[in-house]
N, C-alpha and C. Protein backbone atom coordinates (compact mmCIF):
# COMPACT_ATOMS: atom_id res chain seq x y z
N MET A 1 33.72 -12.79 21.90
CA MET A 1 33.66 -12.72 20.48
C MET A 1 33.10 -11.36 20.05
N ALA A 2 33.72 -10.76 19.07
CA ALA A 2 33.31 -9.45 18.60
C ALA A 2 32.01 -9.55 17.81
N GLU A 3 31.22 -8.51 17.90
CA GLU A 3 29.97 -8.46 17.17
C GLU A 3 30.27 -8.21 15.68
N PRO A 4 29.54 -8.85 14.78
CA PRO A 4 29.76 -8.62 13.35
C PRO A 4 29.52 -7.15 12.98
N THR A 5 30.30 -6.62 12.05
CA THR A 5 30.19 -5.21 11.68
C THR A 5 28.84 -4.87 11.07
N TYR A 6 28.19 -5.85 10.42
CA TYR A 6 26.89 -5.53 9.82
C TYR A 6 25.87 -5.18 10.90
N LEU A 7 26.02 -5.71 12.10
CA LEU A 7 25.10 -5.34 13.18
C LEU A 7 25.32 -3.90 13.60
N ASP A 8 26.58 -3.48 13.67
CA ASP A 8 26.87 -2.07 13.98
C ASP A 8 26.28 -1.15 12.93
N THR A 9 26.44 -1.52 11.67
CA THR A 9 25.92 -0.70 10.57
C THR A 9 24.40 -0.64 10.62
N THR A 10 23.78 -1.77 10.83
CA THR A 10 22.32 -1.83 10.91
C THR A 10 21.81 -1.01 12.09
N ARG A 11 22.44 -1.19 13.24
CA ARG A 11 22.04 -0.45 14.44
C ARG A 11 22.14 1.05 14.20
N ALA A 12 23.26 1.48 13.66
CA ALA A 12 23.47 2.91 13.41
C ALA A 12 22.45 3.46 12.42
N SER A 13 22.14 2.67 11.40
CA SER A 13 21.16 3.12 10.40
C SER A 13 19.78 3.33 11.03
N TYR A 14 19.34 2.35 11.82
CA TYR A 14 18.03 2.48 12.46
C TYR A 14 18.03 3.58 13.53
N ASP A 15 19.13 3.75 14.24
CA ASP A 15 19.22 4.84 15.20
C ASP A 15 19.03 6.18 14.50
N THR A 16 19.61 6.31 13.31
CA THR A 16 19.54 7.56 12.56
C THR A 16 18.12 7.92 12.15
N VAL A 17 17.32 6.93 11.80
CA VAL A 17 15.97 7.20 11.29
C VAL A 17 14.88 6.97 12.33
N ALA A 18 15.22 6.67 13.56
CA ALA A 18 14.22 6.25 14.56
C ALA A 18 13.07 7.24 14.72
N VAL A 19 13.37 8.51 14.91
CA VAL A 19 12.32 9.50 15.14
C VAL A 19 11.45 9.65 13.90
N ASP A 20 12.07 9.75 12.72
CA ASP A 20 11.29 9.89 11.49
C ASP A 20 10.45 8.65 11.21
N TYR A 21 10.99 7.49 11.48
CA TYR A 21 10.27 6.22 11.29
C TYR A 21 9.02 6.20 12.18
N HIS A 22 9.19 6.62 13.42
CA HIS A 22 8.06 6.69 14.35
C HIS A 22 6.99 7.66 13.83
N GLU A 23 7.42 8.82 13.40
CA GLU A 23 6.47 9.81 12.90
C GLU A 23 5.73 9.31 11.67
N LEU A 24 6.44 8.63 10.79
CA LEU A 24 5.85 8.12 9.56
C LEU A 24 4.81 7.03 9.82
N LEU A 25 5.10 6.15 10.76
CA LEU A 25 4.24 4.98 10.98
C LEU A 25 3.39 5.04 12.24
N ARG A 26 3.46 6.12 12.97
CA ARG A 26 2.80 6.20 14.28
C ARG A 26 1.34 5.77 14.22
N ASP A 27 0.59 6.22 13.25
CA ASP A 27 -0.84 5.93 13.17
C ASP A 27 -1.17 4.91 12.09
N SER A 28 -0.19 4.16 11.63
CA SER A 28 -0.42 3.26 10.50
C SER A 28 -1.41 2.15 10.82
N LEU A 29 -1.48 1.70 12.05
CA LEU A 29 -2.44 0.64 12.39
C LEU A 29 -3.88 1.13 12.28
N ALA A 30 -4.09 2.41 12.48
CA ALA A 30 -5.45 2.95 12.36
C ALA A 30 -6.00 2.75 10.95
N GLY A 31 -5.13 2.80 9.96
CA GLY A 31 -5.55 2.62 8.57
C GLY A 31 -5.34 1.21 8.05
N SER A 32 -5.09 0.27 8.93
CA SER A 32 -4.81 -1.12 8.52
C SER A 32 -5.74 -2.09 9.25
N PRO A 33 -6.99 -2.20 8.79
CA PRO A 33 -7.93 -3.08 9.50
C PRO A 33 -7.48 -4.54 9.51
N LEU A 34 -6.82 -5.00 8.46
CA LEU A 34 -6.36 -6.38 8.45
C LEU A 34 -5.30 -6.61 9.52
N ASP A 35 -4.34 -5.69 9.62
CA ASP A 35 -3.32 -5.82 10.66
C ASP A 35 -3.94 -5.82 12.06
N ARG A 36 -4.89 -4.90 12.28
CA ARG A 36 -5.55 -4.85 13.59
C ARG A 36 -6.32 -6.14 13.86
N ALA A 37 -6.97 -6.68 12.84
CA ALA A 37 -7.73 -7.93 13.01
C ALA A 37 -6.79 -9.08 13.34
N MET A 38 -5.66 -9.16 12.64
CA MET A 38 -4.71 -10.24 12.93
C MET A 38 -4.14 -10.11 14.34
N LEU A 39 -3.80 -8.89 14.73
CA LEU A 39 -3.28 -8.69 16.08
C LEU A 39 -4.36 -8.98 17.12
N GLY A 40 -5.60 -8.61 16.82
CA GLY A 40 -6.70 -8.92 17.73
C GLY A 40 -6.91 -10.42 17.88
N ALA A 41 -6.85 -11.15 16.76
CA ALA A 41 -6.99 -12.61 16.82
C ALA A 41 -5.84 -13.24 17.61
N PHE A 42 -4.65 -12.70 17.41
CA PHE A 42 -3.49 -13.19 18.17
C PHE A 42 -3.71 -12.94 19.66
N ALA A 43 -4.15 -11.73 20.01
CA ALA A 43 -4.39 -11.40 21.42
C ALA A 43 -5.47 -12.29 22.01
N ASP A 44 -6.53 -12.55 21.25
CA ASP A 44 -7.59 -13.44 21.72
C ASP A 44 -7.03 -14.83 22.02
N ARG A 45 -6.18 -15.32 21.14
CA ARG A 45 -5.59 -16.66 21.32
C ARG A 45 -4.69 -16.71 22.55
N VAL A 46 -3.88 -15.67 22.73
CA VAL A 46 -2.99 -15.62 23.90
C VAL A 46 -3.82 -15.63 25.18
N ARG A 47 -4.89 -14.83 25.20
CA ARG A 47 -5.74 -14.78 26.40
C ARG A 47 -6.46 -16.11 26.60
N ALA A 48 -6.98 -16.70 25.52
CA ALA A 48 -7.73 -17.95 25.63
C ALA A 48 -6.86 -19.09 26.15
N ASP A 49 -5.62 -19.10 25.73
CA ASP A 49 -4.71 -20.16 26.16
C ASP A 49 -3.96 -19.79 27.44
N ASP A 50 -4.25 -18.58 27.95
CA ASP A 50 -3.62 -18.09 29.18
C ASP A 50 -2.09 -18.22 29.12
N ILE A 51 -1.54 -17.70 28.03
CA ILE A 51 -0.09 -17.71 27.88
C ILE A 51 0.42 -16.27 27.81
N GLY A 52 1.67 -16.10 28.00
CA GLY A 52 2.27 -14.77 27.96
C GLY A 52 3.41 -14.73 28.95
N PRO A 53 4.13 -13.69 29.05
CA PRO A 53 3.95 -12.45 28.30
C PRO A 53 4.34 -12.61 26.83
N VAL A 54 4.00 -11.60 26.05
CA VAL A 54 4.32 -11.55 24.63
C VAL A 54 5.50 -10.61 24.44
N VAL A 55 6.46 -11.05 23.63
CA VAL A 55 7.63 -10.23 23.33
C VAL A 55 7.68 -10.01 21.83
N GLU A 56 7.72 -8.74 21.41
CA GLU A 56 7.87 -8.42 20.00
C GLU A 56 9.35 -8.20 19.71
N LEU A 57 9.92 -9.07 18.90
CA LEU A 57 11.32 -8.95 18.53
C LEU A 57 11.44 -8.03 17.33
N GLY A 58 12.36 -7.07 17.41
CA GLY A 58 12.49 -6.08 16.34
C GLY A 58 11.34 -5.11 16.39
N CYS A 59 11.04 -4.61 17.58
CA CYS A 59 9.83 -3.80 17.81
C CYS A 59 9.90 -2.40 17.23
N GLY A 60 11.09 -1.95 16.84
CA GLY A 60 11.18 -0.58 16.34
C GLY A 60 10.66 0.40 17.37
N PRO A 61 9.84 1.36 16.95
CA PRO A 61 9.32 2.34 17.90
C PRO A 61 8.16 1.84 18.75
N GLY A 62 7.83 0.55 18.64
CA GLY A 62 6.89 -0.05 19.59
C GLY A 62 5.42 0.07 19.28
N ARG A 63 5.04 0.42 18.06
CA ARG A 63 3.62 0.61 17.77
C ARG A 63 2.83 -0.68 17.89
N VAL A 64 3.38 -1.81 17.45
CA VAL A 64 2.66 -3.08 17.57
C VAL A 64 2.64 -3.53 19.03
N THR A 65 3.75 -3.37 19.72
CA THR A 65 3.80 -3.71 21.14
C THR A 65 2.76 -2.91 21.91
N ALA A 66 2.66 -1.62 21.62
CA ALA A 66 1.67 -0.77 22.29
C ALA A 66 0.25 -1.23 21.98
N HIS A 67 0.01 -1.61 20.74
CA HIS A 67 -1.31 -2.08 20.36
C HIS A 67 -1.66 -3.37 21.11
N LEU A 68 -0.71 -4.29 21.17
CA LEU A 68 -0.95 -5.53 21.91
C LEU A 68 -1.22 -5.25 23.38
N HIS A 69 -0.50 -4.31 23.95
CA HIS A 69 -0.73 -3.93 25.35
C HIS A 69 -2.13 -3.33 25.51
N ALA A 70 -2.52 -2.49 24.55
CA ALA A 70 -3.87 -1.89 24.60
C ALA A 70 -4.96 -2.96 24.48
N LEU A 71 -4.63 -4.08 23.85
CA LEU A 71 -5.58 -5.19 23.75
C LEU A 71 -5.59 -6.05 25.01
N GLY A 72 -4.81 -5.66 26.00
CA GLY A 72 -4.83 -6.34 27.28
C GLY A 72 -3.74 -7.37 27.50
N LEU A 73 -2.77 -7.43 26.59
CA LEU A 73 -1.70 -8.40 26.77
C LEU A 73 -0.55 -7.80 27.57
N ASP A 74 0.14 -8.65 28.28
CA ASP A 74 1.40 -8.29 28.92
C ASP A 74 2.44 -8.36 27.81
N ALA A 75 2.78 -7.21 27.21
CA ALA A 75 3.63 -7.17 26.03
C ALA A 75 4.81 -6.24 26.24
N CYS A 76 5.93 -6.65 25.67
CA CYS A 76 7.12 -5.79 25.68
C CYS A 76 7.84 -5.98 24.36
N GLY A 77 8.77 -5.08 24.06
CA GLY A 77 9.49 -5.15 22.80
C GLY A 77 10.99 -5.12 23.00
N ILE A 78 11.68 -5.71 22.05
CA ILE A 78 13.15 -5.74 22.04
C ILE A 78 13.59 -5.30 20.65
N ASP A 79 14.60 -4.47 20.58
CA ASP A 79 15.11 -4.04 19.28
C ASP A 79 16.62 -3.88 19.34
N LEU A 80 17.28 -4.09 18.21
CA LEU A 80 18.72 -3.92 18.08
C LEU A 80 19.12 -2.45 18.23
N SER A 81 18.23 -1.56 17.87
CA SER A 81 18.52 -0.13 17.84
C SER A 81 18.15 0.57 19.15
N PRO A 82 19.13 1.07 19.88
CA PRO A 82 18.81 1.85 21.08
C PRO A 82 17.98 3.09 20.76
N GLY A 83 18.17 3.65 19.58
CA GLY A 83 17.37 4.81 19.17
C GLY A 83 15.90 4.47 19.04
N MET A 84 15.61 3.32 18.47
CA MET A 84 14.22 2.88 18.34
C MET A 84 13.62 2.61 19.72
N VAL A 85 14.38 1.99 20.59
CA VAL A 85 13.89 1.70 21.94
C VAL A 85 13.63 3.01 22.69
N ALA A 86 14.49 3.99 22.52
CA ALA A 86 14.30 5.29 23.18
C ALA A 86 13.01 5.95 22.69
N VAL A 87 12.76 5.89 21.39
CA VAL A 87 11.51 6.45 20.84
C VAL A 87 10.31 5.71 21.42
N ALA A 88 10.38 4.39 21.50
CA ALA A 88 9.29 3.60 22.06
C ALA A 88 9.04 3.97 23.52
N ARG A 89 10.11 4.13 24.28
CA ARG A 89 9.94 4.49 25.70
C ARG A 89 9.29 5.85 25.86
N ARG A 90 9.68 6.81 25.03
CA ARG A 90 9.05 8.14 25.10
C ARG A 90 7.57 8.05 24.74
N ALA A 91 7.24 7.26 23.73
CA ALA A 91 5.84 7.10 23.32
C ALA A 91 5.02 6.46 24.43
N VAL A 92 5.58 5.46 25.09
CA VAL A 92 4.90 4.80 26.21
C VAL A 92 4.66 5.81 27.33
N ALA A 93 5.66 6.61 27.63
CA ALA A 93 5.52 7.62 28.69
C ALA A 93 4.44 8.63 28.33
N ARG A 94 4.39 9.08 27.06
CA ARG A 94 3.35 10.04 26.65
C ARG A 94 1.96 9.42 26.77
N ARG A 95 1.82 8.15 26.38
CA ARG A 95 0.51 7.50 26.50
C ARG A 95 0.10 7.36 27.96
N ALA A 96 1.06 7.06 28.82
CA ALA A 96 0.75 6.92 30.25
C ALA A 96 0.28 8.25 30.82
N VAL A 97 0.93 9.33 30.45
CA VAL A 97 0.52 10.66 30.92
C VAL A 97 -0.87 10.98 30.40
N ALA A 98 -1.12 10.67 29.13
CA ALA A 98 -2.44 10.94 28.55
C ALA A 98 -3.53 10.12 29.25
N ARG A 99 -3.24 8.85 29.56
CA ARG A 99 -4.24 8.02 30.27
C ARG A 99 -4.53 8.58 31.65
N ARG A 100 -3.48 9.03 32.36
CA ARG A 100 -3.70 9.61 33.69
C ARG A 100 -4.51 10.90 33.59
N ALA A 101 -4.27 11.70 32.56
CA ALA A 101 -5.03 12.94 32.38
C ALA A 101 -6.50 12.64 32.11
N VAL A 102 -6.77 11.65 31.28
CA VAL A 102 -8.16 11.27 30.98
C VAL A 102 -8.82 10.75 32.25
N ALA A 103 -8.12 9.92 33.02
CA ALA A 103 -8.70 9.38 34.26
C ALA A 103 -8.98 10.50 35.25
N ALA A 104 -8.08 11.47 35.35
CA ALA A 104 -8.29 12.59 36.27
C ALA A 104 -9.48 13.44 35.82
N ARG A 105 -9.59 13.66 34.50
CA ARG A 105 -10.71 14.45 33.99
C ARG A 105 -12.03 13.74 34.26
N ARG A 106 -12.06 12.43 34.07
CA ARG A 106 -13.29 11.66 34.34
C ARG A 106 -13.65 11.69 35.81
N ALA A 107 -12.65 11.63 36.68
CA ALA A 107 -12.90 11.67 38.11
C ALA A 107 -13.50 13.00 38.53
N VAL A 108 -13.05 14.07 37.91
CA VAL A 108 -13.57 15.41 38.22
C VAL A 108 -14.99 15.55 37.70
N GLU A 109 -15.28 14.96 36.56
CA GLU A 109 -16.60 15.10 35.92
C GLU A 109 -17.68 14.27 36.61
N THR A 110 -17.27 13.27 37.40
CA THR A 110 -18.29 12.42 38.04
C THR A 110 -18.60 12.84 39.43
């Protein structure tokens, strides 16, 4: 069965804005204490009930998925837009490199 054309249109639209969308919202959770609190409460509940992994549907550039992962959850994201997923993957790779750099610097300092 063929995919509906509105999905193609939606996918193409989000692919077009993926990088700009990431840049616009990259640090938005830092200025949203309510969002962080809700995500923290969600993470606490997942850990308390020992359930997971967590999947964010429509993850876009992955900022919420990354936050959930930083809170200690086994989290991944799925999105209709390959462009958004590509941006998320690059962001994850940059954070991994930054974490390794911090760990290496700490190891040298101790």
